C-alpha atoms as a PDB file:
ATOM      1  CA  MET A   1      67.076 124.104 -52.771  1.00  0.00           C
ATOM      2  CA  VAL A   2      64.671 125.742 -55.377  1.00  0.00           C
ATOM      3  CA  SER A   3      65.846 123.268 -58.115  1.00  0.00           C
ATOM      4  CA  GLU A   4      64.835 120.657 -55.821  1.00  0.00           C
ATOM      5  CA  GLY A   5      61.344 121.877 -55.428  1.00  0.00           C
ATOM      6  CA  LYS A   6      61.240 123.341 -51.699  1.00  0.00           C
ATOM      7  CA  GLU A   7      58.957 125.663 -50.374  1.00  0.00           C
ATOM      8  CA  LEU A   8      60.186 129.381 -49.213  1.00  0.00           C
ATOM      9  CA  ALA A   9      59.473 128.263 -45.932  1.00  0.00           C
ATOM     10  CA  GLU A  10      61.736 124.860 -45.740  1.00  0.00           C
ATOM     11  CA  ILE A  11      64.632 126.875 -47.600  1.00  0.00           C
ATOM     12  CA  ALA A  12      64.420 129.566 -44.548  1.00  0.00           C
ATOM     13  CA  ALA A  13      64.693 127.066 -42.071  1.00  0.00           C
ATOM     14  CA  LYS A  14      67.290 125.168 -43.308  1.00  0.00           C
ATOM     15  CA  LEU A  15      69.520 128.196 -44.167  1.00  0.00           C
ATOM     16  CA  CYS A  16      68.103 130.247 -40.308  1.00  0.00           C
ATOM     17  CA  TYR A  17      66.719 133.061 -42.555  1.00  0.00           C
ATOM     18  CA  SER A  18      63.188 134.399 -42.325  1.00  0.00           C
ATOM     19  CA  GLU A  19      61.091 133.482 -45.297  1.00  0.00           C
ATOM     20  CA  ARG A  20      61.025 137.281 -46.632  1.00  0.00           C
ATOM     21  CA  THR A  21      64.691 137.329 -46.546  1.00  0.00           C
ATOM     22  CA  VAL A  22      64.783 134.338 -48.587  1.00  0.00           C
ATOM     23  CA  LYS A  23      62.236 136.131 -51.197  1.00  0.00           C
ATOM     24  CA  TYR A  24      64.186 138.864 -51.518  1.00  0.00           C
ATOM     25  CA  ILE A  25      67.309 137.057 -52.198  1.00  0.00           C
ATOM     26  CA  LEU A  26      65.533 135.308 -54.847  1.00  0.00           C
ATOM     27  CA  TYR A  27      63.892 138.470 -56.234  1.00  0.00           C
ATOM     28  CA  GLY A  28      67.322 140.225 -56.615  1.00  0.00           C
ATOM     29  CA  LEU A  29      68.985 137.619 -58.328  1.00  0.00           C
ATOM     30  CA  MET A  30      66.295 137.269 -60.537  1.00  0.00           C
ATOM     31  CA  LYS A  31      66.272 140.910 -61.132  1.00  0.00           C
ATOM     32  CA  ARG A  32      70.269 141.259 -61.416  1.00  0.00           C
ATOM     33  CA  LEU A  33      70.270 138.395 -63.937  1.00  0.00           C
ATOM     34  CA  GLN A  34      67.174 139.372 -65.887  1.00  0.00           C
ATOM     35  CA  LEU A  35      65.494 136.110 -65.285  1.00  0.00           C
ATOM     36  CA  ARG A  36      61.878 135.708 -65.495  1.00  0.00           C
ATOM     37  CA  ASN A  37      60.612 133.168 -62.747  1.00  0.00           C
ATOM     38  CA  ARG A  38      61.960 130.461 -60.546  1.00  0.00           C
ATOM     39  CA  SER A  39      61.885 127.608 -63.304  1.00  0.00           C
ATOM     40  CA  HIS A  40      64.254 130.608 -65.443  1.00  0.00           C
ATOM     41  CA  ALA A  41      66.372 130.738 -62.598  1.00  0.00           C
ATOM     42  CA  VAL A  42      66.925 127.010 -61.991  1.00  0.00           C
ATOM     43  CA  SER A  43      67.207 126.582 -65.874  1.00  0.00           C
ATOM     44  CA  TYR A  44      70.009 129.143 -65.965  1.00  0.00           C
ATOM     45  CA  ALA A  45      71.980 127.750 -62.830  1.00  0.00           C
ATOM     46  CA  ILE A  46      71.939 124.503 -64.480  1.00  0.00           C
ATOM     47  CA  ARG A  47      73.261 125.554 -67.840  1.00  0.00           C
ATOM     48  CA  ALA A  48      75.846 127.785 -65.735  1.00  0.00           C
ATOM     49  CA  GLY A  49      76.950 124.623 -63.706  1.00  0.00           C
ATOM     50  CA  LEU A  50      75.917 125.857 -60.592  1.00  0.00           C
ATOM     51  CA  ILE A  51      73.983 122.873 -59.995  1.00  0.00           C
END
């Protein structure tokens, strides 16, 4: 959903999570994979074949 340009509020509503939870999940993923920002995370997912 991040790759589609969705806002945190839209992602949270669709997944039935709070915005804060979605933000922390994204932050944790980016930290674990040493990604700099959301754009970097999307490009990583595309290269890894996740999208």
